[in-house]
Amino acid sequence: MEPAVLLKTPQPPSDFAAFWQATAAEAYQAPLHFERVHRADDDHPTHRVFRMRWRGMDGRGREGWYAIPRALTLPAPAVLYLPGYGIGTVPINENTKFERFITFSINLHGYAVEPNVPYSPEVGYFTRGIESPQTYIYRRLVQESILAIRVLAAQPEVNPNKLVAAGLSQGGGLAVMLGAWCALVACVVAELPALSYWEYLLGKPAWRYPIKEFTDYMQATGVSREAVLAVLQYFDAVNHAPFVRVPTQLSLALKDPGIRPPVVFSLYEALRVPKRLLIYEDLGHDWHPEMRIRLEEWASSI
């Protein structure tokens, strides 16, 4: 019989707040350069869709989908939809076409919208720069997310006081971090949030990718699990939760093989803001049609 799993309580390093305040300040101070490109064949019957391009934190180009509902009164609230793990983006589809919100669905790594590269260990990045918090890739990815929401707030159709940070899996974890460190965010929706309770995720033998990337790294380098976890404490959503300052909705899928209940429950318990938890009993690590409806319901109160 498996032993009981304790929920994680926030255990941020002593310089956690200073680290993230400095990280966010860099993203706020970065120059803002963007352009929009419209192609008629990108449009949907209910949405006009642009390809938004901007300069990332590393000076390289980024790209994403920017979708405006045709029936929406402008300026309107907007959702920054953060991608799951991988080097692609979430397209404008039945999961991201909102009726009452503009959508900005982004790529954090490069030019996003085509082609959408499927995951393989060769393009994985979980351990890139994990030697220190300053060099770990997720520091830059949080900054890229802050830069993207600045781009979103600058669009003429957008009400900059009503911005939602949202995403599934990795995107959900990043959304929580933005709810803590990005003043532009008014609401968070984190579906099946990853980047959370790393001790639990790395506490058992990993047989599946992408979590197995950590096992491969530790075997190849001899770096200990303790050393890896020391860096990951800076990037654990549970440690960010006490700093979140906006209403937050989480979801949990009971058949999710990766983001198990202790991960989501730990994050939910650590939040100190108005919050809601949705539980999908028959769902794995995937979207559910109700997520779009519940996002609009939750975020419409902002």
C-alpha atoms as a PDB file:
ATOM      1  CA  MET A   1       0.000   0.000   0.000  1.00  0.00           C
ATOM      2  CA  GLU A   2       1.313   3.424  -0.958  1.00  0.00           C
ATOM      3  CA  PRO A   3       1.979   5.788   1.969  1.00  0.00           C
ATOM      4  CA  ALA A   4      -0.146   8.904   2.404  1.00  0.00           C
ATOM      5  CA  VAL A   5       1.082  11.979   0.546  1.00  0.00           C
ATOM      6  CA  LEU A   6       1.417  15.197   2.530  1.00  0.00           C
ATOM      7  CA  LEU A   7       0.401  18.400   0.825  1.00  0.00           C
ATOM      8  CA  LYS A   8       3.227  20.841   0.255  1.00  0.00           C
ATOM      9  CA  THR A   9       3.204  24.132   2.120  1.00  0.00           C
ATOM     10  CA  PRO A  10       5.088  27.133   0.700  1.00  0.00           C
ATOM     11  CA  GLN A  11       8.830  26.877   1.323  1.00  0.00           C
ATOM     12  CA  PRO A  12      10.352  29.739  -0.661  1.00  0.00           C
ATOM     13  CA  PRO A  13      14.100  30.396  -0.410  1.00  0.00           C
ATOM     14  CA  SER A  14      15.098  33.398   1.681  1.00  0.00           C
ATOM     15  CA  ASP A  15      15.761  35.579  -1.382  1.00  0.00           C
ATOM     16  CA  PHE A  16      12.675  34.377  -3.272  1.00  0.00           C
ATOM     17  CA  ALA A  17      10.734  37.654  -3.306  1.00  0.00           C
ATOM     18  CA  ALA A  18      13.810  39.739  -4.162  1.00  0.00           C
ATOM     19  CA  PHE A  19      14.705  37.329  -6.977  1.00  0.00           C
ATOM     20  CA  TRP A  20      11.268  37.568  -8.569  1.00  0.00           C
ATOM     21  CA  GLN A  21      10.880  41.296  -8.071  1.00  0.00           C
ATOM     22  CA  ALA A  22      14.162  41.826  -9.925  1.00  0.00           C
ATOM     23  CA  THR A  23      13.179  39.303 -12.614  1.00  0.00           C
ATOM     24  CA  ALA A  24       9.838  41.024 -13.219  1.00  0.00           C
ATOM     25  CA  ALA A  25      11.443  44.479 -13.233  1.00  0.00           C
ATOM     26  CA  GLU A  26      13.745  43.417 -16.081  1.00  0.00           C
ATOM     27  CA  ALA A  27      10.725  42.314 -18.129  1.00  0.00           C
ATOM     28  CA  TYR A  28       8.926  45.598 -17.466  1.00  0.00           C
ATOM     29  CA  GLN A  29      11.969  47.602 -18.535  1.00  0.00           C
ATOM     30  CA  ALA A  30      12.588  45.691 -21.777  1.00  0.00           C
ATOM     31  CA  PRO A  31      11.822  47.655 -24.972  1.00  0.00           C
ATOM     32  CA  LEU A  32       8.426  46.887 -26.511  1.00  0.00           C
ATOM     33  CA  HIS A  33       8.533  46.195 -30.257  1.00  0.00           C
ATOM     34  CA  PHE A  34       5.625  44.465 -31.976  1.00  0.00           C
ATOM     35  CA  GLU A  35       3.670  44.251 -35.224  1.00  0.00           C
ATOM     36  CA  ARG A  36       0.453  42.602 -36.403  1.00  0.00           C
ATOM     37  CA  VAL A  37      -0.006  40.729 -39.650  1.00  0.00           C
ATOM     38  CA  HIS A  38      -3.452  39.826 -40.969  1.00  0.00           C
ATOM     39  CA  ARG A  39      -4.148  37.012 -43.416  1.00  0.00           C
ATOM     40  CA  ALA A  40      -7.751  36.431 -44.366  1.00  0.00           C
ATOM     41  CA  ASP A  41      -7.358  32.643 -44.320  1.00  0.00           C
ATOM     42  CA  ASP A  42      -6.427  32.786 -40.598  1.00  0.00           C
ATOM     43  CA  ASP A  43      -9.841  34.209 -39.702  1.00  0.00           C
ATOM     44  CA  HIS A  44     -12.688  32.248 -38.159  1.00  0.00           C
ATOM     45  CA  PRO A  45     -16.356  32.988 -38.849  1.00  0.00           C
ATOM     46  CA  THR A  46     -16.711  34.408 -35.336  1.00  0.00           C
ATOM     47  CA  HIS A  47     -13.219  35.870 -34.883  1.00  0.00           C
ATOM     48  CA  ARG A  48     -10.798  38.072 -36.763  1.00  0.00           C
ATOM     49  CA  VAL A  49      -7.312  36.619 -36.263  1.00  0.00           C
ATOM     50  CA  PHE A  50      -3.907  38.282 -36.520  1.00  0.00           C
ATOM     51  CA  ARG A  51      -0.376  36.951 -36.256  1.00  0.00           C
ATOM     52  CA  MET A  52       1.260  39.073 -33.579  1.00  0.00           C
ATOM     53  CA  ARG A  53       5.029  39.352 -33.663  1.00  0.00           C
ATOM     54  CA  TRP A  54       7.288  40.980 -31.080  1.00  0.00           C
ATOM     55  CA  ARG A  55      10.870  41.039 -29.854  1.00  0.00           C
ATOM     56  CA  GLY A  56      11.559  38.661 -26.974  1.00  0.00           C
ATOM     57  CA  MET A  57      13.775  39.121 -23.956  1.00  0.00           C
ATOM     58  CA  ASP A  58      16.721  37.590 -25.813  1.00  0.00           C
ATOM     59  CA  GLY A  59      16.237  39.857 -28.843  1.00  0.00           C
ATOM     60  CA  ARG A  60      14.825  37.040 -30.977  1.00  0.00           C
ATOM     61  CA  GLY A  61      11.422  37.172 -32.577  1.00  0.00           C
ATOM     62  CA  ARG A  62       8.312  35.738 -30.943  1.00  0.00           C
ATOM     63  CA  GLU A  63       4.930  35.122 -32.493  1.00  0.00           C
ATOM     64  CA  GLY A  64       1.397  34.254 -31.458  1.00  0.00           C
ATOM     65  CA  TRP A  65      -2.256  34.316 -32.427  1.00  0.00           C
ATOM     66  CA  TYR A  66      -4.349  37.397 -31.595  1.00  0.00           C
ATOM     67  CA  ALA A  67      -8.085  36.761 -32.006  1.00  0.00           C
ATOM     68  CA  ILE A  68     -10.854  39.362 -31.696  1.00  0.00           C
ATOM     69  CA  PRO A  69     -14.488  38.162 -31.494  1.00  0.00           C
ATOM     70  CA  ARG A  70     -16.433  39.935 -34.225  1.00  0.00           C
ATOM     71  CA  ALA A  71     -19.470  40.522 -32.014  1.00  0.00           C
ATOM     72  CA  LEU A  72     -17.529  41.946 -29.075  1.00  0.00           C
ATOM     73  CA  THR A  73     -17.898  45.567 -27.996  1.00  0.00           C
ATOM     74  CA  LEU A  74     -14.463  47.178 -27.881  1.00  0.00           C
ATOM     75  CA  PRO A  75     -12.320  47.852 -25.952  1.00  0.00           C
ATOM     76  CA  ALA A  76     -12.716  44.475 -24.309  1.00  0.00           C
ATOM     77  CA  PRO A  77     -11.107  42.219 -21.702  1.00  0.00           C
ATOM     78  CA  ALA A  78      -8.457  39.825 -22.982  1.00  0.00           C
ATOM     79  CA  VAL A  79      -6.860  36.491 -22.156  1.00  0.00           C
ATOM     80  CA  LEU A  80      -3.136  35.818 -22.429  1.00  0.00           C
ATOM     81  CA  TYR A  81      -3.175  32.069 -23.160  1.00  0.00           C
ATOM     82  CA  LEU A  82       0.127  30.546 -22.126  1.00  0.00           C
ATOM     83  CA  PRO A  83       1.286  27.341 -23.833  1.00  0.00           C
ATOM     84  CA  GLY A  84       1.881  23.913 -22.375  1.00  0.00           C
ATOM     85  CA  TYR A  85       5.297  22.295 -22.354  1.00  0.00           C
ATOM     86  CA  GLY A  86       6.983  22.295 -25.744  1.00  0.00           C
ATOM     87  CA  ILE A  87       8.174  24.712 -28.398  1.00  0.00           C
ATOM     88  CA  GLY A  88       4.824  25.312 -30.089  1.00  0.00           C
ATOM     89  CA  THR A  89       1.714  27.296 -29.273  1.00  0.00           C
ATOM     90  CA  VAL A  90      -1.996  26.720 -28.798  1.00  0.00           C
ATOM     91  CA  PRO A  91      -3.936  27.657 -31.965  1.00  0.00           C
ATOM     92  CA  ILE A  92      -7.176  29.576 -32.013  1.00  0.00           C
ATOM     93  CA  ASN A  93      -9.670  26.733 -31.765  1.00  0.00           C
ATOM     94  CA  GLU A  94     -12.712  25.603 -29.790  1.00  0.00           C
ATOM     95  CA  ASN A  95     -10.658  25.767 -26.572  1.00  0.00           C
ATOM     96  CA  THR A  96      -9.311  29.291 -27.057  1.00  0.00           C
ATOM     97  CA  LYS A  97     -12.043  31.097 -29.039  1.00  0.00           C
ATOM     98  CA  PHE A  98     -13.762  33.022 -26.273  1.00  0.00           C
ATOM     99  CA  GLU A  99     -17.001  34.912 -26.802  1.00  0.00           C
ATOM    100  CA  ARG A 100     -16.441  37.712 -24.293  1.00  0.00           C
ATOM    101  CA  PHE A 101     -12.642  37.958 -24.399  1.00  0.00           C
ATOM    102  CA  ILE A 102      -9.936  38.701 -26.921  1.00  0.00           C
ATOM    103  CA  THR A 103      -7.353  35.893 -27.024  1.00  0.00           C
ATOM    104  CA  PHE A 104      -3.586  36.220 -27.309  1.00  0.00           C
ATOM    105  CA  SER A 105      -2.092  32.713 -27.565  1.00  0.00           C
ATOM    106  CA  ILE A 106       1.681  32.853 -27.636  1.00  0.00           C
ATOM    107  CA  ASN A 107       4.861  30.922 -28.317  1.00  0.00           C
ATOM    108  CA  LEU A 108       7.587  31.406 -25.712  1.00  0.00           C
ATOM    109  CA  HIS A 109      10.435  30.125 -27.871  1.00  0.00           C
ATOM    110  CA  GLY A 110      10.211  31.524 -31.386  1.00  0.00           C
ATOM    111  CA  TYR A 111       7.935  31.850 -34.365  1.00  0.00           C
ATOM    112  CA  ALA A 112       4.917  30.005 -33.225  1.00  0.00           C
ATOM    113  CA  VAL A 113       2.057  29.694 -35.544  1.00  0.00           C
ATOM    114  CA  GLU A 114       3.375  27.268 -38.130  1.00  0.00           C
ATOM    115  CA  PRO A 115       4.537  24.613 -38.030  1.00  0.00           C
ATOM    116  CA  ASN A 116       3.547  23.463 -34.543  1.00  0.00           C
ATOM    117  CA  VAL A 117       6.423  21.138 -33.600  1.00  0.00           C
ATOM    118  CA  PRO A 118       5.331  18.040 -31.619  1.00  0.00           C
ATOM    119  CA  TYR A 119       7.138  17.174 -28.392  1.00  0.00           C
ATOM    120  CA  SER A 120      10.141  14.874 -28.354  1.00  0.00           C
ATOM    121  CA  PRO A 121      12.960  14.607 -25.782  1.00  0.00           C
ATOM    122  CA  GLU A 122      15.291  16.231 -28.320  1.00  0.00           C
ATOM    123  CA  VAL A 123      13.355  19.498 -28.144  1.00  0.00           C
ATOM    124  CA  GLY A 124      12.733  19.284 -24.392  1.00  0.00           C
ATOM    125  CA  TYR A 125      14.114  22.013 -22.136  1.00  0.00           C
ATOM    126  CA  PHE A 126      13.170  21.098 -18.558  1.00  0.00           C
ATOM    127  CA  THR A 127      16.827  21.069 -17.449  1.00  0.00           C
ATOM    128  CA  ARG A 128      18.189  23.876 -19.615  1.00  0.00           C
ATOM    129  CA  GLY A 129      20.247  26.179 -17.411  1.00  0.00           C
ATOM    130  CA  ILE A 130      19.188  24.402 -14.224  1.00  0.00           C
ATOM    131  CA  GLU A 131      22.616  24.999 -12.677  1.00  0.00           C
ATOM    132  CA  SER A 132      21.233  28.128 -10.972  1.00  0.00           C
ATOM    133  CA  PRO A 133      18.000  30.144 -10.629  1.00  0.00           C
ATOM    134  CA  GLN A 134      19.531  32.970 -12.674  1.00  0.00           C
ATOM    135  CA  THR A 135      20.297  30.701 -15.633  1.00  0.00           C
ATOM    136  CA  TYR A 136      17.306  28.339 -15.501  1.00  0.00           C
ATOM    137  CA  ILE A 137      15.140  28.669 -18.602  1.00  0.00           C
ATOM    138  CA  TYR A 138      11.938  29.284 -16.667  1.00  0.00           C
ATOM    139  CA  ARG A 139      13.261  32.603 -15.429  1.00  0.00           C
ATOM    140  CA  ARG A 140      13.294  33.788 -19.030  1.00  0.00           C
ATOM    141  CA  LEU A 141       9.963  32.130 -19.822  1.00  0.00           C
ATOM    142  CA  VAL A 142       8.266  34.055 -17.020  1.00  0.00           C
ATOM    143  CA  GLN A 143       9.852  37.220 -18.363  1.00  0.00           C
ATOM    144  CA  GLU A 144       8.662  36.372 -21.885  1.00  0.00           C
ATOM    145  CA  SER A 145       5.163  35.942 -20.474  1.00  0.00           C
ATOM    146  CA  ILE A 146       5.284  39.362 -18.790  1.00  0.00           C
ATOM    147  CA  LEU A 147       6.558  40.913 -22.012  1.00  0.00           C
ATOM    148  CA  ALA A 148       3.705  39.268 -23.945  1.00  0.00           C
ATOM    149  CA  ILE A 149       1.048  40.634 -21.612  1.00  0.00           C
ATOM    150  CA  ARG A 150       2.578  44.082 -22.061  1.00  0.00           C
ATOM    151  CA  VAL A 151       2.137  43.597 -25.815  1.00  0.00           C
ATOM    152  CA  LEU A 152      -1.464  42.540 -25.232  1.00  0.00           C
ATOM    153  CA  ALA A 153      -2.201  45.547 -23.014  1.00  0.00           C
ATOM    154  CA  ALA A 154      -0.881  47.859 -25.753  1.00  0.00           C
ATOM    155  CA  GLN A 155      -3.444  46.733 -28.358  1.00  0.00           C
ATOM    156  CA  PRO A 156      -6.159  49.318 -29.129  1.00  0.00           C
ATOM    157  CA  GLU A 157      -8.980  46.756 -28.861  1.00  0.00           C
ATOM    158  CA  VAL A 158      -7.949  45.701 -25.332  1.00  0.00           C
ATOM    159  CA  ASN A 159      -9.061  47.029 -21.966  1.00  0.00           C
ATOM    160  CA  PRO A 160      -5.710  46.886 -20.116  1.00  0.00           C
ATOM    161  CA  ASN A 161      -7.452  46.798 -16.742  1.00  0.00           C
ATOM    162  CA  LYS A 162      -9.130  43.471 -17.507  1.00  0.00           C
ATOM    163  CA  LEU A 163      -6.409  41.015 -18.435  1.00  0.00           C
ATOM    164  CA  VAL A 164      -6.515  37.304 -17.644  1.00  0.00           C
ATOM    165  CA  ALA A 165      -3.455  35.038 -17.424  1.00  0.00           C
ATOM    166  CA  ALA A 166      -4.505  31.507 -18.357  1.00  0.00           C
ATOM    167  CA  GLY A 167      -3.137  28.218 -19.584  1.00  0.00           C
ATOM    168  CA  LEU A 168      -3.101  24.451 -19.214  1.00  0.00           C
ATOM    169  CA  SER A 169      -0.284  22.411 -17.638  1.00  0.00           C
ATOM    170  CA  GLN A 170       2.922  24.461 -17.984  1.00  0.00           C
ATOM    171  CA  GLY A 171       0.733  27.376 -19.040  1.00  0.00           C
ATOM    172  CA  GLY A 172      -1.257  27.069 -15.826  1.00  0.00           C
ATOM    173  CA  GLY A 173       1.863  27.180 -13.692  1.00  0.00           C
ATOM    174  CA  LEU A 174       3.126  30.242 -15.547  1.00  0.00           C
ATOM    175  CA  ALA A 175      -0.266  31.923 -15.145  1.00  0.00           C
ATOM    176  CA  VAL A 176      -0.009  31.525 -11.365  1.00  0.00           C
ATOM    177  CA  MET A 177       3.456  33.099 -11.412  1.00  0.00           C
ATOM    178  CA  LEU A 178       2.134  36.047 -13.424  1.00  0.00           C
ATOM    179  CA  GLY A 179      -0.648  36.444 -10.894  1.00  0.00           C
ATOM    180  CA  ALA A 180       2.085  36.989  -8.305  1.00  0.00           C
ATOM    181  CA  TRP A 181       4.560  39.200 -10.143  1.00  0.00           C
ATOM    182  CA  CYS A 182       2.786  40.968 -13.016  1.00  0.00           C
ATOM    183  CA  ALA A 183       0.707  43.993 -12.041  1.00  0.00           C
ATOM    184  CA  LEU A 184      -1.167  43.900 -15.353  1.00  0.00           C
ATOM    185  CA  VAL A 185      -2.881  40.603 -14.482  1.00  0.00           C
ATOM    186  CA  ALA A 186      -6.384  40.959 -12.999  1.00  0.00           C
ATOM    187  CA  CYS A 187      -7.352  37.287 -12.881  1.00  0.00           C
ATOM    188  CA  VAL A 188      -5.765  33.824 -13.206  1.00  0.00           C
ATOM    189  CA  VAL A 189      -7.145  30.590 -14.661  1.00  0.00           C
ATOM    190  CA  ALA A 190      -4.766  27.641 -14.302  1.00  0.00           C
ATOM    191  CA  GLU A 191      -5.958  24.381 -15.851  1.00  0.00           C
ATOM    192  CA  LEU A 192      -4.238  21.219 -14.543  1.00  0.00           C
ATOM    193  CA  PRO A 193      -1.306  23.393 -13.409  1.00  0.00           C
ATOM    194  CA  ALA A 194       2.223  22.036 -13.703  1.00  0.00           C
ATOM    195  CA  LEU A 195       5.480  23.575 -12.398  1.00  0.00           C
ATOM    196  CA  SER A 196       4.238  22.807  -8.903  1.00  0.00           C
ATOM    197  CA  TYR A 197       5.187  20.505  -5.978  1.00  0.00           C
ATOM    198  CA  TRP A 198       8.398  19.383  -7.673  1.00  0.00           C
ATOM    199  CA  GLU A 199       9.341  17.159  -4.726  1.00  0.00           C
ATOM    200  CA  TYR A 200       6.289  15.025  -5.458  1.00  0.00           C
ATOM    201  CA  LEU A 201       6.781  15.015  -9.227  1.00  0.00           C
ATOM    202  CA  LEU A 202      10.429  13.975  -8.890  1.00  0.00           C
ATOM    203  CA  GLY A 203       9.893  11.736  -5.880  1.00  0.00           C
ATOM    204  CA  LYS A 204       9.298   8.535  -7.830  1.00  0.00           C
ATOM    205  CA  PRO A 205      11.140   6.866 -10.713  1.00  0.00           C
ATOM    206  CA  ALA A 206      10.243   8.681 -13.939  1.00  0.00           C
ATOM    207  CA  TRP A 207       9.381   6.362 -16.799  1.00  0.00           C
ATOM    208  CA  ARG A 208       7.709   8.904 -19.058  1.00  0.00           C
ATOM    209  CA  TYR A 209       8.835  12.046 -20.813  1.00  0.00           C
ATOM    210  CA  PRO A 210       8.955  14.950 -20.318  1.00  0.00           C
ATOM    211  CA  ILE A 211       9.542  14.410 -16.557  1.00  0.00           C
ATOM    212  CA  LYS A 212      12.136  11.778 -17.452  1.00  0.00           C
ATOM    213  CA  GLU A 213      14.283  14.628 -18.808  1.00  0.00           C
ATOM    214  CA  PHE A 214      15.277  15.272 -15.184  1.00  0.00           C
ATOM    215  CA  THR A 215      16.281  11.648 -14.648  1.00  0.00           C
ATOM    216  CA  ASP A 216      18.340  11.668 -17.847  1.00  0.00           C
ATOM    217  CA  TYR A 217      20.054  14.895 -16.793  1.00  0.00           C
ATOM    218  CA  MET A 218      20.927  13.648 -13.309  1.00  0.00           C
ATOM    219  CA  GLN A 219      22.286  10.364 -14.668  1.00  0.00           C
ATOM    220  CA  ALA A 220      24.356  12.129 -17.334  1.00  0.00           C
ATOM    221  CA  THR A 221      25.815  14.838 -15.085  1.00  0.00           C
ATOM    222  CA  GLY A 222      25.892  13.293 -11.625  1.00  0.00           C
ATOM    223  CA  VAL A 223      23.969  16.268 -10.233  1.00  0.00           C
ATOM    224  CA  SER A 224      21.908  15.196  -7.245  1.00  0.00           C
ATOM    225  CA  ARG A 225      18.144  15.368  -6.941  1.00  0.00           C
ATOM    226  CA  GLU A 226      18.607  17.695  -3.966  1.00  0.00           C
ATOM    227  CA  ALA A 227      20.633  20.156  -6.065  1.00  0.00           C
ATOM    228  CA  VAL A 228      18.003  20.132  -8.808  1.00  0.00           C
ATOM    229  CA  LEU A 229      15.201  20.662  -6.295  1.00  0.00           C
ATOM    230  CA  ALA A 230      17.075  23.570  -4.695  1.00  0.00           C
ATOM    231  CA  VAL A 231      16.830  25.456  -7.992  1.00  0.00           C
ATOM    232  CA  LEU A 232      13.265  24.318  -8.685  1.00  0.00           C
ATOM    233  CA  GLN A 233      12.095  25.868  -5.385  1.00  0.00           C
ATOM    234  CA  TYR A 234      12.301  29.237  -7.151  1.00  0.00           C
ATOM    235  CA  PHE A 235       9.998  27.932  -9.875  1.00  0.00           C
ATOM    236  CA  ASP A 236       7.452  26.029  -7.804  1.00  0.00           C
ATOM    237  CA  ALA A 237       3.940  27.466  -8.081  1.00  0.00           C
ATOM    238  CA  VAL A 238       3.236  26.506  -4.462  1.00  0.00           C
ATOM    239  CA  ASN A 239       5.967  28.913  -3.371  1.00  0.00           C
ATOM    240  CA  HIS A 240       4.499  31.623  -5.621  1.00  0.00           C
ATOM    241  CA  ALA A 241       0.954  31.094  -4.327  1.00  0.00           C
ATOM    242  CA  PRO A 242       1.195  33.343  -1.214  1.00  0.00           C
ATOM    243  CA  PHE A 243       2.307  36.194  -3.486  1.00  0.00           C
ATOM    244  CA  VAL A 244      -0.619  35.855  -5.908  1.00  0.00           C
ATOM    245  CA  ARG A 245      -2.821  38.938  -5.506  1.00  0.00           C
ATOM    246  CA  VAL A 246      -5.748  38.278  -7.886  1.00  0.00           C
ATOM    247  CA  PRO A 247      -8.701  35.841  -8.014  1.00  0.00           C
ATOM    248  CA  THR A 248      -7.525  32.426  -9.181  1.00  0.00           C
ATOM    249  CA  GLN A 249      -9.342  29.420 -10.595  1.00  0.00           C
ATOM    250  CA  LEU A 250      -7.634  26.026 -10.725  1.00  0.00           C
ATOM    251  CA  SER A 251      -8.732  22.726 -12.220  1.00  0.00           C
ATOM    252  CA  LEU A 252      -7.818  19.111 -11.541  1.00  0.00           C
ATOM    253  CA  ALA A 253      -8.345  16.009 -13.711  1.00  0.00           C
ATOM    254  CA  LEU A 254      -8.611  12.831 -11.683  1.00  0.00           C
ATOM    255  CA  LYS A 255      -7.301  10.648 -14.523  1.00  0.00           C
ATOM    256  CA  ASP A 256      -4.338  12.911 -15.241  1.00  0.00           C
ATOM    257  CA  PRO A 257      -1.226  10.667 -15.154  1.00  0.00           C
ATOM    258  CA  GLY A 258       1.167  13.547 -14.470  1.00  0.00           C
ATOM    259  CA  ILE A 259      -0.489  16.352 -12.507  1.00  0.00           C
ATOM    260  CA  ARG A 260      -1.871  14.318  -9.641  1.00  0.00           C
ATOM    261  CA  PRO A 261      -4.259  15.572  -6.907  1.00  0.00           C
ATOM    262  CA  PRO A 262      -1.506  16.376  -4.329  1.00  0.00           C
ATOM    263  CA  VAL A 263       0.024  18.810  -6.830  1.00  0.00           C
ATOM    264  CA  VAL A 264      -3.159  20.786  -7.418  1.00  0.00           C
ATOM    265  CA  PHE A 265      -4.474  20.553  -3.850  1.00  0.00           C
ATOM    266  CA  SER A 266      -1.160  21.879  -2.517  1.00  0.00           C
ATOM    267  CA  LEU A 267      -1.311  24.854  -4.845  1.00  0.00           C
ATOM    268  CA  TYR A 268      -4.967  25.534  -4.064  1.00  0.00           C
ATOM    269  CA  GLU A 269      -4.424  25.421  -0.301  1.00  0.00           C
ATOM    270  CA  ALA A 270      -1.476  27.834  -0.552  1.00  0.00           C
ATOM    271  CA  LEU A 271      -3.475  30.551  -2.362  1.00  0.00           C
ATOM    272  CA  ARG A 272      -4.635  33.427  -0.151  1.00  0.00           C
ATOM    273  CA  VAL A 273      -6.970  35.121  -2.621  1.00  0.00           C
ATOM    274  CA  PRO A 274     -10.545  34.441  -3.803  1.00  0.00           C
ATOM    275  CA  LYS A 275     -10.246  31.038  -5.446  1.00  0.00           C
ATOM    276  CA  ARG A 276     -12.154  28.185  -7.008  1.00  0.00           C
ATOM    277  CA  LEU A 277     -11.217  24.574  -7.782  1.00  0.00           C
ATOM    278  CA  LEU A 278     -12.912  22.568 -10.546  1.00  0.00           C
ATOM    279  CA  ILE A 279     -12.545  18.775 -10.604  1.00  0.00           C
ATOM    280  CA  TYR A 280     -12.989  16.777 -13.825  1.00  0.00           C
ATOM    281  CA  GLU A 281     -13.588  13.193 -12.757  1.00  0.00           C
ATOM    282  CA  ASP A 282     -13.161  11.455 -16.134  1.00  0.00           C
ATOM    283  CA  LEU A 283     -10.487  13.647 -17.726  1.00  0.00           C
ATOM    284  CA  GLY A 284      -6.794  12.957 -18.326  1.00  0.00           C
ATOM    285  CA  HIS A 285      -4.145  15.569 -19.123  1.00  0.00           C
ATOM    286  CA  ASP A 286      -6.182  17.360 -21.755  1.00  0.00           C
ATOM    287  CA  TRP A 287      -8.725  20.084 -22.436  1.00  0.00           C
ATOM    288  CA  HIS A 288     -12.373  19.710 -21.526  1.00  0.00           C
ATOM    289  CA  PRO A 289     -15.108  21.652 -23.379  1.00  0.00           C
ATOM    290  CA  GLU A 290     -16.314  23.099 -20.089  1.00  0.00           C
ATOM    291  CA  MET A 291     -12.955  24.803 -19.425  1.00  0.00           C
ATOM    292  CA  ARG A 292     -13.698  27.571 -21.897  1.00  0.00           C
ATOM    293  CA  ILE A 293     -17.123  28.162 -20.355  1.00  0.00           C
ATOM    294  CA  ARG A 294     -15.789  28.185 -16.791  1.00  0.00           C
ATOM    295  CA  LEU A 295     -12.933  30.520 -17.713  1.00  0.00           C
ATOM    296  CA  GLU A 296     -15.350  33.104 -19.093  1.00  0.00           C
ATOM    297  CA  GLU A 297     -17.635  32.663 -16.089  1.00  0.00           C
ATOM    298  CA  TRP A 298     -14.793  33.177 -13.585  1.00  0.00           C
ATOM    299  CA  ALA A 299     -13.020  35.973 -15.432  1.00  0.00           C
ATOM    300  CA  SER A 300     -16.174  37.976 -16.192  1.00  0.00           C
ATOM    301  CA  SER A 301     -16.194  39.222 -12.601  1.00  0.00           C
ATOM    302  CA  ILE A 302     -12.981  41.229 -13.025  1.00  0.00           C
END
